[in-house]
């Protein structure tokens, strides 16, 4: 089960690295960098969704686990929304940039917590 942590950690590392790369790039952003960033994030979402599904098939999720999975999905959705807004060539309010810079850290914490609860706390 450690492979799930390592895989998720690598996905997050690549997402953060490509995000920092995007942050340093000049606007308009390179289609290649944005595509790499989005595909890695999509791969992580699929991987985590599959992990939750397999865990639920083995044993039903508790109420706490369901709430934490829902919160993690919400954090991922906010990341996708703010990232999409920032990838346009339009000026965005500072709140969008602020959320896009800080919500990923909360997402990592929520993901690590839910993976721990799903894989080890039974």
PDB file of N, CA and C in Angstrom:
ATOM      1  N   UNK A   1       0.809  -1.204   0.000  1.00  0.00           N
ATOM      2  CA  UNK A   1       0.000   0.000   0.000  1.00  0.00           C
ATOM      3  C   UNK A   1       0.851   1.266   0.000  1.00  0.00           C
ATOM      4  N   UNK A   2       2.125   1.133   0.262  1.00  0.00           N
ATOM      5  CA  UNK A   2       3.014   2.284   0.244  1.00  0.00           C
ATOM      6  C   UNK A   2       3.120   2.853  -1.175  1.00  0.00           C
ATOM      7  N   UNK A   3       2.897   2.016  -2.176  1.00  0.00           N
ATOM      8  CA  UNK A   3       2.987   2.468  -3.563  1.00  0.00           C
ATOM      9  C   UNK A   3       1.986   3.585  -3.856  1.00  0.00           C
ATOM     10  N   UNK A   4       0.825   3.566  -3.203  1.00  0.00           N
ATOM     11  CA  UNK A   4      -0.156   4.637  -3.408  1.00  0.00           C
ATOM     12  C   UNK A   4       0.398   5.973  -2.929  1.00  0.00           C
ATOM     13  N   UNK A   5       1.067   5.960  -1.768  1.00  0.00           N
ATOM     14  CA  UNK A   5       1.666   7.191  -1.250  1.00  0.00           C
ATOM     15  C   UNK A   5       2.782   7.689  -2.159  1.00  0.00           C
ATOM     16  N   UNK A   6       3.633   6.790  -2.588  1.00  0.00           N
ATOM     17  CA  UNK A   6       4.749   7.173  -3.451  1.00  0.00           C
ATOM     18  C   UNK A   6       4.224   7.710  -4.775  1.00  0.00           C
ATOM     19  N   UNK A   7       3.259   7.017  -5.363  1.00  0.00           N
ATOM     20  CA  UNK A   7       2.690   7.456  -6.638  1.00  0.00           C
ATOM     21  C   UNK A   7       2.025   8.819  -6.509  1.00  0.00           C
ATOM     22  N   UNK A   8       1.187   8.987  -5.486  1.00  0.00           N
ATOM     23  CA  UNK A   8       0.515  10.274  -5.280  1.00  0.00           C
ATOM     24  C   UNK A   8       1.545  11.374  -5.027  1.00  0.00           C
ATOM     25  N   UNK A   9       2.561  11.069  -4.247  1.00  0.00           N
ATOM     26  CA  UNK A   9       3.612  12.041  -3.971  1.00  0.00           C
ATOM     27  C   UNK A   9       4.340  12.470  -5.230  1.00  0.00           C
ATOM     28  N   UNK A  10       4.643  11.515  -6.104  1.00  0.00           N
ATOM     29  CA  UNK A  10       5.309  11.851  -7.363  1.00  0.00           C
ATOM     30  C   UNK A  10       4.407  12.693  -8.260  1.00  0.00           C
ATOM     31  N   UNK A  11       3.127  12.319  -8.336  1.00  0.00           N
ATOM     32  CA  UNK A  11       2.179  13.120  -9.109  1.00  0.00           C
ATOM     33  C   UNK A  11       2.163  14.558  -8.593  1.00  0.00           C
ATOM     34  N   UNK A  12       2.027  14.725  -7.279  1.00  0.00           N
ATOM     35  CA  UNK A  12       1.992  16.067  -6.704  1.00  0.00           C
ATOM     36  C   UNK A  12       3.302  16.818  -6.960  1.00  0.00           C
ATOM     37  N   UNK A  13       4.415  16.132  -6.847  1.00  0.00           N
ATOM     38  CA  UNK A  13       5.704  16.766  -7.113  1.00  0.00           C
ATOM     39  C   UNK A  13       5.749  17.304  -8.541  1.00  0.00           C
ATOM     40  N   UNK A  14       5.334  16.482  -9.504  1.00  0.00           N
ATOM     41  CA  UNK A  14       5.344  16.917 -10.902  1.00  0.00           C
ATOM     42  C   UNK A  14       4.344  18.042 -11.146  1.00  0.00           C
ATOM     43  N   UNK A  15       3.198  17.995 -10.473  1.00  0.00           N
ATOM     44  CA  UNK A  15       2.219  19.079 -10.613  1.00  0.00           C
ATOM     45  C   UNK A  15       2.813  20.380 -10.072  1.00  0.00           C
ATOM     46  N   UNK A  16       3.426  20.318  -8.892  1.00  0.00           N
ATOM     47  CA  UNK A  16       4.023  21.522  -8.312  1.00  0.00           C
ATOM     48  C   UNK A  16       5.159  22.046  -9.186  1.00  0.00           C
ATOM     49  N   UNK A  17       6.018  21.160  -9.663  1.00  0.00           N
ATOM     50  CA  UNK A  17       7.135  21.601 -10.505  1.00  0.00           C
ATOM     51  C   UNK A  17       6.641  22.253 -11.794  1.00  0.00           C
ATOM     52  N   UNK A  18       5.651  21.639 -12.438  1.00  0.00           N
ATOM     53  CA  UNK A  18       5.135  22.238 -13.672  1.00  0.00           C
ATOM     54  C   UNK A  18       4.368  23.524 -13.364  1.00  0.00           C
ATOM     55  N   UNK A  19       3.739  23.608 -12.187  1.00  0.00           N
ATOM     56  CA  UNK A  19       3.065  24.840 -11.774  1.00  0.00           C
ATOM     57  C   UNK A  19       4.062  25.960 -11.531  1.00  0.00           C
ATOM     58  N   UNK A  20       5.186  25.642 -10.882  1.00  0.00           N
ATOM     59  CA  UNK A  20       6.234  26.649 -10.684  1.00  0.00           C
ATOM     60  C   UNK A  20       6.815  27.086 -12.036  1.00  0.00           C
ATOM     61  N   UNK A  21       6.939  26.123 -12.940  1.00  0.00           N
ATOM     62  CA  UNK A  21       7.421  26.413 -14.285  1.00  0.00           C
ATOM     63  C   UNK A  21       6.462  27.389 -14.974  1.00  0.00           C
ATOM     64  N   UNK A  22       5.164  27.121 -14.858  1.00  0.00           N
ATOM     65  CA  UNK A  22       4.168  28.029 -15.425  1.00  0.00           C
ATOM     66  C   UNK A  22       4.238  29.414 -14.789  1.00  0.00           C
ATOM     67  N   UNK A  23       4.406  29.448 -13.482  1.00  0.00           N
ATOM     68  CA  UNK A  23       4.458  30.722 -12.769  1.00  0.00           C
ATOM     69  C   UNK A  23       5.626  31.583 -13.248  1.00  0.00           C
ATOM     70  N   UNK A  24       6.725  30.942 -13.629  1.00  0.00           N
ATOM     71  CA  UNK A  24       7.911  31.668 -14.079  1.00  0.00           C
ATOM     72  C   UNK A  24       7.835  32.040 -15.563  1.00  0.00           C
ATOM     73  N   UNK A  25       6.951  31.368 -16.296  1.00  0.00           N
ATOM     74  CA  UNK A  25       6.848  31.607 -17.740  1.00  0.00           C
ATOM     75  C   UNK A  25       6.111  32.918 -18.017  1.00  0.00           C
ATOM     76  N   UNK A  26       6.407  33.488 -19.142  1.00  0.00           N
ATOM     77  CA  UNK A  26       5.749  34.732 -19.539  1.00  0.00           C
ATOM     78  C   UNK A  26       4.388  34.423 -20.154  1.00  0.00           C
ATOM     79  N   UNK A  27       3.488  35.372 -19.994  1.00  0.00           N
ATOM     80  CA  UNK A  27       2.179  35.245 -20.630  1.00  0.00           C
ATOM     81  C   UNK A  27       2.286  35.667 -22.079  1.00  0.00           C
ATOM     82  N   UNK A  28       1.559  35.112 -22.983  1.00  0.00           N
ATOM     83  CA  UNK A  28       0.665  33.979 -22.808  1.00  0.00           C
ATOM     84  C   UNK A  28       1.470  32.702 -22.564  1.00  0.00           C
ATOM     85  N   UNK A  29       0.896  31.841 -21.736  1.00  0.00           N
ATOM     86  CA  UNK A  29       1.593  30.626 -21.361  1.00  0.00           C
ATOM     87  C   UNK A  29       1.766  29.692 -22.542  1.00  0.00           C
ATOM     88  N   UNK A  30       2.837  28.946 -22.496  1.00  0.00           N
ATOM     89  CA  UNK A  30       3.109  27.941 -23.516  1.00  0.00           C
ATOM     90  C   UNK A  30       2.063  26.828 -23.434  1.00  0.00           C
ATOM     91  N   UNK A  31       1.542  26.467 -24.573  1.00  0.00           N
ATOM     92  CA  UNK A  31       0.553  25.392 -24.630  1.00  0.00           C
ATOM     93  C   UNK A  31       1.154  24.087 -24.125  1.00  0.00           C
ATOM     94  N   UNK A  32       2.414  23.863 -24.413  1.00  0.00           N
ATOM     95  CA  UNK A  32       3.089  22.640 -23.969  1.00  0.00           C
ATOM     96  C   UNK A  32       3.132  22.557 -22.442  1.00  0.00           C
ATOM     97  N   UNK A  33       3.513  23.643 -21.781  1.00  0.00           N
ATOM     98  CA  UNK A  33       3.619  23.625 -20.316  1.00  0.00           C
ATOM     99  C   UNK A  33       2.244  23.424 -19.687  1.00  0.00           C
ATOM    100  N   UNK A  34       1.252  24.140 -20.185  1.00  0.00           N
ATOM    101  CA  UNK A  34      -0.110  24.008 -19.638  1.00  0.00           C
ATOM    102  C   UNK A  34      -0.629  22.595 -19.841  1.00  0.00           C
ATOM    103  N   UNK A  35      -0.383  22.034 -21.024  1.00  0.00           N
ATOM    104  CA  UNK A  35      -0.862  20.681 -21.316  1.00  0.00           C
ATOM    105  C   UNK A  35      -0.212  19.654 -20.395  1.00  0.00           C
ATOM    106  N   UNK A  36       1.092  19.759 -20.205  1.00  0.00           N
ATOM    107  CA  UNK A  36       1.793  18.843 -19.296  1.00  0.00           C
ATOM    108  C   UNK A  36       1.205  18.964 -17.889  1.00  0.00           C
ATOM    109  N   UNK A  37       1.038  20.188 -17.427  1.00  0.00           N
ATOM    110  CA  UNK A  37       0.500  20.446 -16.081  1.00  0.00           C
ATOM    111  C   UNK A  37      -0.899  19.832 -15.929  1.00  0.00           C
ATOM    112  N   UNK A  38      -1.748  20.063 -16.904  1.00  0.00           N
ATOM    113  CA  UNK A  38      -3.127  19.554 -16.826  1.00  0.00           C
ATOM    114  C   UNK A  38      -3.191  18.031 -16.932  1.00  0.00           C
ATOM    115  N   UNK A  39      -2.364  17.446 -17.792  1.00  0.00           N
ATOM    116  CA  UNK A  39      -2.382  15.986 -17.940  1.00  0.00           C
ATOM    117  C   UNK A  39      -1.886  15.281 -16.679  1.00  0.00           C
ATOM    118  N   UNK A  40      -0.883  15.850 -16.038  1.00  0.00           N
ATOM    119  CA  UNK A  40      -0.401  15.266 -14.787  1.00  0.00           C
ATOM    120  C   UNK A  40      -1.495  15.346 -13.728  1.00  0.00           C
ATOM    121  N   UNK A  41      -2.169  16.497 -13.637  1.00  0.00           N
ATOM    122  CA  UNK A  41      -3.261  16.659 -12.669  1.00  0.00           C
ATOM    123  C   UNK A  41      -4.415  15.698 -12.977  1.00  0.00           C
ATOM    124  N   UNK A  42      -4.736  15.528 -14.252  1.00  0.00           N
ATOM    125  CA  UNK A  42      -5.786  14.582 -14.636  1.00  0.00           C
ATOM    126  C   UNK A  42      -5.388  13.161 -14.245  1.00  0.00           C
ATOM    127  N   UNK A  43      -4.136  12.807 -14.481  1.00  0.00           N
ATOM    128  CA  UNK A  43      -3.653  11.475 -14.096  1.00  0.00           C
ATOM    129  C   UNK A  43      -3.759  11.248 -12.601  1.00  0.00           C
ATOM    130  N   UNK A  44      -3.418  12.278 -11.809  1.00  0.00           N
ATOM    131  CA  UNK A  44      -3.542  12.159 -10.352  1.00  0.00           C
ATOM    132  C   UNK A  44      -4.998  11.978  -9.953  1.00  0.00           C
ATOM    133  N   UNK A  45      -5.882  12.760 -10.548  1.00  0.00           N
ATOM    134  CA  UNK A  45      -7.307  12.637 -10.225  1.00  0.00           C
ATOM    135  C   UNK A  45      -7.837  11.243 -10.521  1.00  0.00           C
ATOM    136  N   UNK A  46      -7.459  10.696 -11.667  1.00  0.00           N
ATOM    137  CA  UNK A  46      -7.887   9.339 -12.033  1.00  0.00           C
ATOM    138  C   UNK A  46      -7.291   8.316 -11.070  1.00  0.00           C
ATOM    139  N   UNK A  47      -6.014   8.454 -10.777  1.00  0.00           N
ATOM    140  CA  UNK A  47      -5.350   7.534  -9.853  1.00  0.00           C
ATOM    141  C   UNK A  47      -6.021   7.537  -8.474  1.00  0.00           C
ATOM    142  N   UNK A  48      -6.271   8.731  -7.941  1.00  0.00           N
ATOM    143  CA  UNK A  48      -6.892   8.814  -6.615  1.00  0.00           C
ATOM    144  C   UNK A  48      -8.339   8.329  -6.637  1.00  0.00           C
ATOM    145  N   UNK A  49      -9.053   8.656  -7.700  1.00  0.00           N
ATOM    146  CA  UNK A  49     -10.429   8.161  -7.833  1.00  0.00           C
ATOM    147  C   UNK A  49     -10.469   6.638  -7.868  1.00  0.00           C
ATOM    148  N   UNK A  50      -9.549   6.046  -8.611  1.00  0.00           N
ATOM    149  CA  UNK A  50      -9.469   4.585  -8.695  1.00  0.00           C
ATOM    150  C   UNK A  50      -9.105   3.977  -7.333  1.00  0.00           C
ATOM    151  N   UNK A  51      -8.191   4.616  -6.609  1.00  0.00           N
ATOM    152  CA  UNK A  51      -7.799   4.133  -5.283  1.00  0.00           C
ATOM    153  C   UNK A  51      -8.986   4.157  -4.328  1.00  0.00           C
ATOM    154  N   UNK A  52      -9.743   5.248  -4.338  1.00  0.00           N
ATOM    155  CA  UNK A  52     -10.927   5.348  -3.472  1.00  0.00           C
ATOM    156  C   UNK A  52     -11.957   4.297  -3.874  1.00  0.00           C
ATOM    157  N   UNK A  53     -12.168   4.118  -5.173  1.00  0.00           N
ATOM    158  CA  UNK A  53     -13.138   3.134  -5.653  1.00  0.00           C
ATOM    159  C   UNK A  53     -12.755   1.727  -5.219  1.00  0.00           C
ATOM    160  N   UNK A  54     -11.487   1.363  -5.404  1.00  0.00           N
ATOM    161  CA  UNK A  54     -11.047   0.024  -5.016  1.00  0.00           C
ATOM    162  C   UNK A  54     -11.167  -0.194  -3.507  1.00  0.00           C
ATOM    163  N   UNK A  55     -10.834   0.825  -2.745  1.00  0.00           N
ATOM    164  CA  UNK A  55     -10.946   0.717  -1.297  1.00  0.00           C
ATOM    165  C   UNK A  55     -12.406   0.546  -0.885  1.00  0.00           C
ATOM    166  N   UNK A  56     -13.282   1.293  -1.525  1.00  0.00           N
ATOM    167  CA  UNK A  56     -14.712   1.192  -1.211  1.00  0.00           C
ATOM    168  C   UNK A  56     -15.265  -0.179  -1.601  1.00  0.00           C
ATOM    169  N   UNK A  57     -14.759  -0.759  -2.677  1.00  0.00           N
ATOM    170  CA  UNK A  57     -15.194  -2.095  -3.077  1.00  0.00           C
ATOM    171  C   UNK A  57     -14.780  -3.136  -2.039  1.00  0.00           C
ATOM    172  N   UNK A  58     -13.605  -2.955  -1.453  1.00  0.00           N
ATOM    173  CA  UNK A  58     -13.111  -3.909  -0.458  1.00  0.00           C
ATOM    174  C   UNK A  58     -13.879  -3.788   0.853  1.00  0.00           C
ATOM    175  N   UNK A  59     -14.161  -2.563   1.264  1.00  0.00           N
ATOM    176  CA  UNK A  59     -14.906  -2.320   2.503  1.00  0.00           C
ATOM    177  C   UNK A  59     -15.577  -0.953   2.370  1.00  0.00           C
ATOM    178  N   UNK A  60     -16.856  -0.869   2.722  1.00  0.00           N
ATOM    179  CA  UNK A  60     -17.562   0.409   2.591  1.00  0.00           C
ATOM    180  C   UNK A  60     -16.866   1.517   3.386  1.00  0.00           C
ATOM    181  N   UNK A  61     -16.892   2.716   2.816  1.00  0.00           N
ATOM    182  CA  UNK A  61     -16.284   3.870   3.474  1.00  0.00           C
ATOM    183  C   UNK A  61     -17.121   4.290   4.674  1.00  0.00           C
ATOM    184  N   UNK A  62     -16.451   4.769   5.714  1.00  0.00           N
ATOM    185  CA  UNK A  62     -17.153   5.295   6.887  1.00  0.00           C
ATOM    186  C   UNK A  62     -17.647   6.707   6.561  1.00  0.00           C
ATOM    187  N   UNK A  63     -18.460   7.241   7.425  1.00  0.00           N
ATOM    188  CA  UNK A  63     -18.965   8.596   7.237  1.00  0.00           C
ATOM    189  C   UNK A  63     -17.856   9.622   7.198  1.00  0.00           C
ATOM    190  N   UNK A  64     -16.886   9.479   8.081  1.00  0.00           N
ATOM    191  CA  UNK A  64     -15.747  10.400   8.109  1.00  0.00           C
ATOM    192  C   UNK A  64     -14.957  10.325   6.814  1.00  0.00           C
ATOM    193  N   UNK A  65     -14.736   9.129   6.318  1.00  0.00           N
ATOM    194  CA  UNK A  65     -13.999   8.968   5.067  1.00  0.00           C
ATOM    195  C   UNK A  65     -14.751   9.606   3.903  1.00  0.00           C
ATOM    196  N   UNK A  66     -16.057   9.446   3.856  1.00  0.00           N
ATOM    197  CA  UNK A  66     -16.860  10.040   2.785  1.00  0.00           C
ATOM    198  C   UNK A  66     -16.764  11.561   2.827  1.00  0.00           C
ATOM    199  N   UNK A  67     -16.851  12.132   4.021  1.00  0.00           N
ATOM    200  CA  UNK A  67     -16.756  13.589   4.162  1.00  0.00           C
ATOM    201  C   UNK A  67     -15.378  14.081   3.718  1.00  0.00           C
ATOM    202  N   UNK A  68     -14.328  13.386   4.121  1.00  0.00           N
ATOM    203  CA  UNK A  68     -12.978  13.791   3.731  1.00  0.00           C
ATOM    204  C   UNK A  68     -12.733  13.613   2.235  1.00  0.00           C
ATOM    205  N   UNK A  69     -13.274  12.567   1.648  1.00  0.00           N
ATOM    206  CA  UNK A  69     -13.155  12.385   0.197  1.00  0.00           C
ATOM    207  C   UNK A  69     -13.874  13.535  -0.513  1.00  0.00           C
ATOM    208  N   UNK A  70     -15.064  13.893  -0.045  1.00  0.00           N
ATOM    209  CA  UNK A  70     -15.811  14.994  -0.648  1.00  0.00           C
ATOM    210  C   UNK A  70     -15.056  16.317  -0.515  1.00  0.00           C
ATOM    211  N   UNK A  71     -14.464  16.559   0.650  1.00  0.00           N
ATOM    212  CA  UNK A  71     -13.682  17.787   0.849  1.00  0.00           C
ATOM    213  C   UNK A  71     -12.468  17.818  -0.068  1.00  0.00           C
ATOM    214  N   UNK A  72     -11.813  16.684  -0.239  1.00  0.00           N
ATOM    215  CA  UNK A  72     -10.649  16.604  -1.120  1.00  0.00           C
ATOM    216  C   UNK A  72     -11.060  16.852  -2.568  1.00  0.00           C
ATOM    217  N   UNK A  73     -12.188  16.293  -2.975  1.00  0.00           N
ATOM    218  CA  UNK A  73     -12.694  16.528  -4.338  1.00  0.00           C
ATOM    219  C   UNK A  73     -13.002  18.012  -4.530  1.00  0.00           C
ATOM    220  N   UNK A  74     -13.582  18.648  -3.521  1.00  0.00           N
ATOM    221  CA  UNK A  74     -13.868  20.081  -3.598  1.00  0.00           C
ATOM    222  C   UNK A  74     -12.578  20.889  -3.751  1.00  0.00           C
ATOM    223  N   UNK A  75     -11.547  20.531  -2.996  1.00  0.00           N
ATOM    224  CA  UNK A  75     -10.261  21.228  -3.117  1.00  0.00           C
ATOM    225  C   UNK A  75      -9.670  21.046  -4.520  1.00  0.00           C
ATOM    226  N   UNK A  76      -9.759  19.831  -5.064  1.00  0.00           N
ATOM    227  CA  UNK A  76      -9.283  19.601  -6.423  1.00  0.00           C
ATOM    228  C   UNK A  76     -10.067  20.456  -7.414  1.00  0.00           C
ATOM    229  N   UNK A  77     -11.383  20.551  -7.228  1.00  0.00           N
ATOM    230  CA  UNK A  77     -12.221  21.352  -8.134  1.00  0.00           C
ATOM    231  C   UNK A  77     -11.840  22.830  -8.079  1.00  0.00           C
ATOM    232  N   UNK A  78     -11.564  23.332  -6.876  1.00  0.00           N
ATOM    233  CA  UNK A  78     -11.132  24.726  -6.742  1.00  0.00           C
ATOM    234  C   UNK A  78      -9.788  24.924  -7.441  1.00  0.00           C
ATOM    235  N   UNK A  79      -8.886  23.960  -7.307  1.00  0.00           N
ATOM    236  CA  UNK A  79      -7.597  24.047  -8.011  1.00  0.00           C
ATOM    237  C   UNK A  79      -7.789  24.107  -9.515  1.00  0.00           C
ATOM    238  N   UNK A  80      -8.643  23.245 -10.038  1.00  0.00           N
ATOM    239  CA  UNK A  80      -8.883  23.210 -11.480  1.00  0.00           C
ATOM    240  C   UNK A  80      -9.525  24.523 -11.942  1.00  0.00           C
ATOM    241  N   UNK A  81     -10.498  25.003 -11.191  1.00  0.00           N
ATOM    242  CA  UNK A  81     -11.195  26.239 -11.573  1.00  0.00           C
ATOM    243  C   UNK A  81     -10.259  27.442 -11.563  1.00  0.00           C
ATOM    244  N   UNK A  82      -9.494  27.599 -10.495  1.00  0.00           N
ATOM    245  CA  UNK A  82      -8.591  28.757 -10.425  1.00  0.00           C
ATOM    246  C   UNK A  82      -7.471  28.638 -11.460  1.00  0.00           C
ATOM    247  N   UNK A  83      -6.973  27.431 -11.674  1.00  0.00           N
ATOM    248  CA  UNK A  83      -5.950  27.237 -12.701  1.00  0.00           C
ATOM    249  C   UNK A  83      -6.473  27.551 -14.091  1.00  0.00           C
ATOM    250  N   UNK A  84      -7.708  27.150 -14.360  1.00  0.00           N
ATOM    251  CA  UNK A  84      -8.318  27.449 -15.662  1.00  0.00           C
ATOM    252  C   UNK A  84      -8.491  28.951 -15.849  1.00  0.00           C
ATOM    253  N   UNK A  85      -8.923  29.625 -14.809  1.00  0.00           N
ATOM    254  CA  UNK A  85      -9.080  31.080 -14.898  1.00  0.00           C
ATOM    255  C   UNK A  85      -7.741  31.771 -15.144  1.00  0.00           C
ATOM    256  N   UNK A  86      -6.705  31.300 -14.467  1.00  0.00           N
ATOM    257  CA  UNK A  86      -5.394  31.920 -14.624  1.00  0.00           C
ATOM    258  C   UNK A  86      -4.754  31.613 -15.976  1.00  0.00           C
ATOM    259  N   UNK A  87      -5.146  30.515 -16.611  1.00  0.00           N
ATOM    260  CA  UNK A  87      -4.543  30.158 -17.895  1.00  0.00           C
ATOM    261  C   UNK A  87      -5.109  30.981 -19.051  1.00  0.00           C
ATOM    262  N   UNK A  88      -6.192  31.717 -18.804  1.00  0.00           N
ATOM    263  CA  UNK A  88      -6.695  32.613 -19.840  1.00  0.00           C
ATOM    264  C   UNK A  88      -5.800  33.839 -19.892  1.00  0.00           C
ATOM    265  N   UNK A  89      -5.910  34.584 -20.934  1.00  0.00           N
ATOM    266  CA  UNK A  89      -5.087  35.781 -21.077  1.00  0.00           C
ATOM    267  C   UNK A  89      -5.748  37.012 -20.481  1.00  0.00           C
ATOM    268  N   UNK A  90      -6.798  36.815 -19.701  1.00  0.00           N
ATOM    269  CA  UNK A  90      -7.496  37.939 -19.092  1.00  0.00           C
ATOM    270  C   UNK A  90      -6.960  38.189 -17.685  1.00  0.00           C
ATOM    271  N   UNK A  91      -7.045  39.438 -17.258  1.00  0.00           N
ATOM    272  CA  UNK A  91      -6.634  39.785 -15.892  1.00  0.00           C
ATOM    273  C   UNK A  91      -7.652  39.215 -14.913  1.00  0.00           C
ATOM    274  N   UNK A  92      -7.167  38.594 -13.861  1.00  0.00           N
ATOM    275  CA  UNK A  92      -8.026  37.993 -12.850  1.00  0.00           C
ATOM    276  C   UNK A  92      -7.837  38.722 -11.523  1.00  0.00           C
ATOM    277  N   UNK A  93      -8.882  38.691 -10.674  1.00  0.00           N
ATOM    278  CA  UNK A  93      -8.726  39.290  -9.342  1.00  0.00           C
ATOM    279  C   UNK A  93      -7.616  38.595  -8.555  1.00  0.00           C
ATOM    280  N   UNK A  94      -7.042  39.296  -7.612  1.00  0.00           N
ATOM    281  CA  UNK A  94      -5.960  38.743  -6.803  1.00  0.00           C
ATOM    282  C   UNK A  94      -6.366  37.505  -6.031  1.00  0.00           C
ATOM    283  N   UNK A  95      -7.656  37.395  -5.690  1.00  0.00           N
ATOM    284  CA  UNK A  95      -8.129  36.234  -4.937  1.00  0.00           C
ATOM    285  C   UNK A  95      -7.941  34.942  -5.727  1.00  0.00           C
ATOM    286  N   UNK A  96      -8.102  35.007  -7.038  1.00  0.00           N
ATOM    287  CA  UNK A  96      -7.937  33.808  -7.873  1.00  0.00           C
ATOM    288  C   UNK A  96      -6.486  33.337  -7.805  1.00  0.00           C
ATOM    289  N   UNK A  97      -5.565  34.255  -7.951  1.00  0.00           N
ATOM    290  CA  UNK A  97      -4.142  33.909  -7.864  1.00  0.00           C
ATOM    291  C   UNK A  97      -3.784  33.403  -6.465  1.00  0.00           C
ATOM    292  N   UNK A  98      -4.304  34.052  -5.434  1.00  0.00           N
ATOM    293  CA  UNK A  98      -4.048  33.634  -4.057  1.00  0.00           C
ATOM    294  C   UNK A  98      -4.537  32.206  -3.827  1.00  0.00           C
ATOM    295  N   UNK A  99      -5.770  31.923  -4.242  1.00  0.00           N
ATOM    296  CA  UNK A  99      -6.316  30.575  -4.064  1.00  0.00           C
ATOM    297  C   UNK A  99      -5.495  29.545  -4.826  1.00  0.00           C
ATOM    298  N   UNK A 100      -5.092  29.896  -6.061  1.00  0.00           N
ATOM    299  CA  UNK A 100      -4.332  28.956  -6.867  1.00  0.00           C
ATOM    300  C   UNK A 100      -2.955  28.692  -6.296  1.00  0.00           C
ATOM    301  N   UNK A 101      -2.430  29.611  -5.501  1.00  0.00           N
ATOM    302  CA  UNK A 101      -1.119  29.398  -4.891  1.00  0.00           C
ATOM    303  C   UNK A 101      -1.195  28.616  -3.582  1.00  0.00           C
ATOM    304  N   UNK A 102      -2.298  28.719  -2.837  1.00  0.00           N
ATOM    305  CA  UNK A 102      -2.365  28.119  -1.501  1.00  0.00           C
ATOM    306  C   UNK A 102      -3.260  26.887  -1.389  1.00  0.00           C
ATOM    307  N   UNK A 103      -4.288  26.776  -2.187  1.00  0.00           N
ATOM    308  CA  UNK A 103      -5.173  25.610  -2.125  1.00  0.00           C
ATOM    309  C   UNK A 103      -4.429  24.314  -2.457  1.00  0.00           C
ATOM    310  N   UNK A 104      -3.448  24.313  -3.371  1.00  0.00           N
ATOM    311  CA  UNK A 104      -2.732  23.051  -3.626  1.00  0.00           C
ATOM    312  C   UNK A 104      -2.097  22.442  -2.375  1.00  0.00           C
ATOM    313  N   UNK A 105      -1.598  23.266  -1.477  1.00  0.00           N
ATOM    314  CA  UNK A 105      -0.999  22.726  -0.249  1.00  0.00           C
ATOM    315  C   UNK A 105      -2.067  22.061   0.630  1.00  0.00           C
ATOM    316  N   UNK A 106      -3.242  22.690   0.703  1.00  0.00           N
ATOM    317  CA  UNK A 106      -4.351  22.071   1.452  1.00  0.00           C
ATOM    318  C   UNK A 106      -4.787  20.770   0.779  1.00  0.00           C
ATOM    319  N   UNK A 107      -4.747  20.752  -0.543  1.00  0.00           N
ATOM    320  CA  UNK A 107      -5.120  19.549  -1.281  1.00  0.00           C
ATOM    321  C   UNK A 107      -4.159  18.402  -0.984  1.00  0.00           C
ATOM    322  N   UNK A 108      -2.879  18.700  -0.912  1.00  0.00           N
ATOM    323  CA  UNK A 108      -1.889  17.665  -0.580  1.00  0.00           C
ATOM    324  C   UNK A 108      -2.152  17.116   0.819  1.00  0.00           C
ATOM    325  N   UNK A 109      -2.412  18.002   1.773  1.00  0.00           N
ATOM    326  CA  UNK A 109      -2.687  17.564   3.148  1.00  0.00           C
ATOM    327  C   UNK A 109      -3.952  16.721   3.195  1.00  0.00           C
ATOM    328  N   UNK A 110      -5.003  17.172   2.517  1.00  0.00           N
ATOM    329  CA  UNK A 110      -6.264  16.413   2.505  1.00  0.00           C
ATOM    330  C   UNK A 110      -6.084  15.061   1.830  1.00  0.00           C
ATOM    331  N   UNK A 111      -5.330  15.037   0.743  1.00  0.00           N
ATOM    332  CA  UNK A 111      -5.100  13.776   0.035  1.00  0.00           C
ATOM    333  C   UNK A 111      -4.299  12.800   0.892  1.00  0.00           C
ATOM    334  N   UNK A 112      -3.256  13.282   1.536  1.00  0.00           N
ATOM    335  CA  UNK A 112      -2.460  12.410   2.411  1.00  0.00           C
ATOM    336  C   UNK A 112      -3.314  11.876   3.551  1.00  0.00           C
ATOM    337  N   UNK A 113      -4.161  12.732   4.099  1.00  0.00           N
ATOM    338  CA  UNK A 113      -5.039  12.303   5.200  1.00  0.00           C
ATOM    339  C   UNK A 113      -6.006  11.235   4.743  1.00  0.00           C
ATOM    340  N   UNK A 114      -6.653  11.451   3.613  1.00  0.00           N
ATOM    341  CA  UNK A 114      -7.639  10.469   3.147  1.00  0.00           C
ATOM    342  C   UNK A 114      -6.954   9.175   2.728  1.00  0.00           C
ATOM    343  N   UNK A 115      -5.775   9.253   2.115  1.00  0.00           N
ATOM    344  CA  UNK A 115      -5.062   8.018   1.778  1.00  0.00           C
ATOM    345  C   UNK A 115      -4.701   7.238   3.034  1.00  0.00           C
ATOM    346  N   UNK A 116      -4.270   7.934   4.056  1.00  0.00           N
ATOM    347  CA  UNK A 116      -3.951   7.254   5.319  1.00  0.00           C
ATOM    348  C   UNK A 116      -5.200   6.576   5.875  1.00  0.00           C
ATOM    349  N   UNK A 117      -6.313   7.317   5.921  1.00  0.00           N
ATOM    350  CA  UNK A 117      -7.537   6.755   6.484  1.00  0.00           C
ATOM    351  C   UNK A 117      -8.064   5.589   5.647  1.00  0.00           C
ATOM    352  N   UNK A 118      -7.918   5.686   4.342  1.00  0.00           N
ATOM    353  CA  UNK A 118      -8.409   4.605   3.472  1.00  0.00           C
ATOM    354  C   UNK A 118      -7.529   3.373   3.515  1.00  0.00           C
ATOM    355  N   UNK A 119      -6.221   3.575   3.608  1.00  0.00           N
ATOM    356  CA  UNK A 119      -5.301   2.448   3.454  1.00  0.00           C
ATOM    357  C   UNK A 119      -4.836   1.828   4.767  1.00  0.00           C
ATOM    358  N   UNK A 120      -4.816   2.628   5.856  1.00  0.00           N
ATOM    359  CA  UNK A 120      -4.222   2.112   7.080  1.00  0.00           C
ATOM    360  C   UNK A 120      -5.128   2.139   8.299  1.00  0.00           C
ATOM    361  N   UNK A 121      -6.083   3.007   8.363  1.00  0.00           N
ATOM    362  CA  UNK A 121      -6.905   3.171   9.560  1.00  0.00           C
ATOM    363  C   UNK A 121      -8.196   2.363   9.452  1.00  0.00           C
ATOM    364  N   UNK A 122      -8.074   1.080   9.548  1.00  0.00           N
ATOM    365  CA  UNK A 122      -9.274   0.219   9.512  1.00  0.00           C
ATOM    366  C   UNK A 122      -9.397  -0.573  10.773  1.00  0.00           C
TER     367      UNK A 122
END
